[in-house]
Amino acid sequence: QVQLVESGGGLVQAGGSLRLSCAASGRTFTRYAMRWFRQAPGNEREFVAAVTWNGGTYYADSVKGRFTISRDNAKHTVYLQMNSLKPEDTAVYYCNARGPLSFWGQGTQVTVSS
């Protein structure tokens, strides 16, 4: 079992920055690829970014060049640095651990005002 707890969401003006954190429990953190998804009201949950166990990164086109995903395996934590935020980035952001099983956090709200 892996438990995930997101933090760092909030209200920010367009052009601002936020850093989300996802703290994972369990001793098998390094076996999991870690991903961020988001879901805006009325929309389906969509992929944002992923980091593999050895640091390989992938991004949705909509956030490429603005968001950076990273992980600290010693701290069992994955981060999402979000810069140049836009109102369309407003959503609940979810952390996901993907391995033999898949686990989700409870989500953290990000609101970007224009």
Protein backbone atom coordinates (compact mmCIF):
# COMPACT_ATOMS: atom_id res chain seq x y z
CA GLN A 1 0.00 0.00 0.00
CA VAL A 2 1.08 3.55 -0.77
CA GLN A 3 -0.62 6.55 0.77
CA LEU A 4 -0.22 9.90 -0.94
CA VAL A 5 -0.79 13.33 0.59
CA GLU A 6 -0.69 16.42 -1.63
CA SER A 7 -0.03 19.94 -0.40
CA GLY A 8 0.92 23.34 -1.74
CA GLY A 9 -2.21 24.33 -3.60
CA GLY A 10 -3.81 27.72 -3.25
CA LEU A 11 -4.91 30.92 -4.96
CA VAL A 12 -2.43 32.74 -7.18
CA GLN A 13 -2.63 35.45 -9.81
CA ALA A 14 -1.96 34.70 -13.45
CA GLY A 15 1.76 34.66 -14.10
CA GLY A 16 2.53 33.50 -10.59
CA SER A 17 4.05 30.29 -9.30
CA LEU A 18 3.16 27.46 -6.95
CA ARG A 19 4.98 24.31 -5.90
CA LEU A 20 2.93 21.23 -5.16
CA SER A 21 4.28 18.41 -3.02
CA CYS A 22 3.14 14.82 -2.74
CA ALA A 23 4.42 12.87 0.23
CA ALA A 24 4.27 9.09 -0.07
CA SER A 25 4.22 6.49 2.66
CA GLY A 26 5.60 3.00 2.27
CA ARG A 27 9.03 1.58 1.64
CA THR A 28 8.48 0.87 -2.06
CA PHE A 29 8.32 4.47 -3.26
CA THR A 30 11.24 4.05 -5.62
CA ARG A 31 9.43 1.28 -7.51
CA TYR A 32 6.74 3.66 -8.65
CA ALA A 33 6.53 6.12 -11.47
CA MET A 34 4.94 9.25 -10.03
CA ARG A 35 2.46 11.33 -11.95
CA TRP A 36 0.40 14.48 -11.57
CA PHE A 37 -3.07 14.78 -13.01
CA ARG A 38 -5.62 17.55 -12.77
CA GLN A 39 -9.36 17.88 -13.06
CA ALA A 40 -11.27 21.08 -13.66
CA PRO A 41 -15.02 21.29 -12.98
CA GLY A 42 -16.97 19.59 -15.73
CA ASN A 43 -13.84 18.14 -17.30
CA GLU A 44 -12.24 14.71 -17.24
CA ARG A 45 -9.10 14.12 -15.25
CA GLU A 46 -6.10 14.83 -17.45
CA PHE A 47 -2.43 13.96 -17.36
CA VAL A 48 -0.05 16.76 -16.41
CA ALA A 49 3.41 15.31 -15.81
CA ALA A 50 5.26 12.14 -14.86
CA VAL A 51 8.64 11.18 -13.44
CA THR A 52 10.02 7.64 -13.65
CA TRP A 53 11.82 5.85 -10.85
CA ASN A 54 15.17 6.99 -12.28
CA GLY A 55 14.22 10.58 -13.07
CA GLY A 56 12.91 10.50 -16.62
CA THR A 57 10.23 13.16 -17.12
CA TYR A 58 7.21 13.59 -19.36
CA TYR A 59 4.81 16.50 -19.74
CA ALA A 60 1.50 17.35 -21.30
CA ASP A 61 1.92 19.82 -24.14
CA SER A 62 -0.20 22.36 -22.28
CA VAL A 63 2.33 22.65 -19.43
CA LYS A 64 5.62 21.95 -21.20
CA GLY A 65 8.13 24.69 -20.49
CA ARG A 66 6.14 26.03 -17.53
CA PHE A 67 5.89 23.06 -15.13
CA THR A 68 8.71 20.92 -13.76
CA ILE A 69 8.23 17.58 -12.04
CA SER A 70 10.89 16.13 -9.77
CA ARG A 71 11.24 13.53 -7.06
CA ASP A 72 13.31 13.08 -3.93
CA ASN A 73 13.48 9.35 -3.29
CA ALA A 74 15.13 9.85 0.09
CA LYS A 75 12.18 11.95 1.24
CA HIS A 76 9.55 9.86 -0.59
CA THR A 77 8.25 13.06 -2.13
CA VAL A 78 7.42 14.24 -5.62
CA TYR A 79 7.12 17.88 -6.56
CA LEU A 80 5.43 19.90 -9.26
CA GLN A 81 6.88 23.37 -9.75
CA MET A 82 4.35 25.44 -11.65
CA ASN A 83 5.46 28.74 -13.18
CA SER A 84 3.73 31.23 -15.46
CA LEU A 85 0.38 30.00 -14.27
CA LYS A 86 -2.70 30.67 -16.37
CA PRO A 87 -6.39 30.75 -15.42
CA GLU A 88 -6.85 27.55 -17.43
CA ASP A 89 -4.51 25.78 -15.01
CA THR A 90 -7.23 26.07 -12.37
CA ALA A 91 -8.11 22.56 -11.22
CA VAL A 92 -7.79 20.02 -8.46
CA TYR A 93 -4.35 18.46 -8.81
CA TYR A 94 -3.91 14.81 -7.96
CA CYS A 95 -0.79 12.80 -7.29
CA ASN A 96 -0.63 9.23 -8.61
CA ALA A 97 1.78 6.40 -7.92
CA ARG A 98 1.90 3.89 -10.74
CA GLY A 99 3.55 0.54 -10.28
CA PRO A 100 2.26 -2.97 -9.74
CA LEU A 101 -0.79 -1.14 -8.37
CA SER A 102 -1.99 2.43 -8.76
CA PHE A 103 -2.65 4.80 -5.88
CA TRP A 104 -4.15 8.29 -5.75
CA GLY A 105 -3.98 11.18 -3.33
CA GLN A 106 -6.95 13.22 -2.22
CA GLY A 107 -6.08 16.22 -4.40
CA THR A 108 -5.17 19.85 -3.79
CA GLN A 109 -6.98 22.83 -5.26
CA VAL A 110 -5.11 25.28 -7.48
CA THR A 111 -6.92 28.45 -8.47
CA VAL A 112 -5.38 30.96 -10.85
CA SER A 113 -7.10 34.33 -11.05
CA SER A 114 -6.93 36.53 -14.12
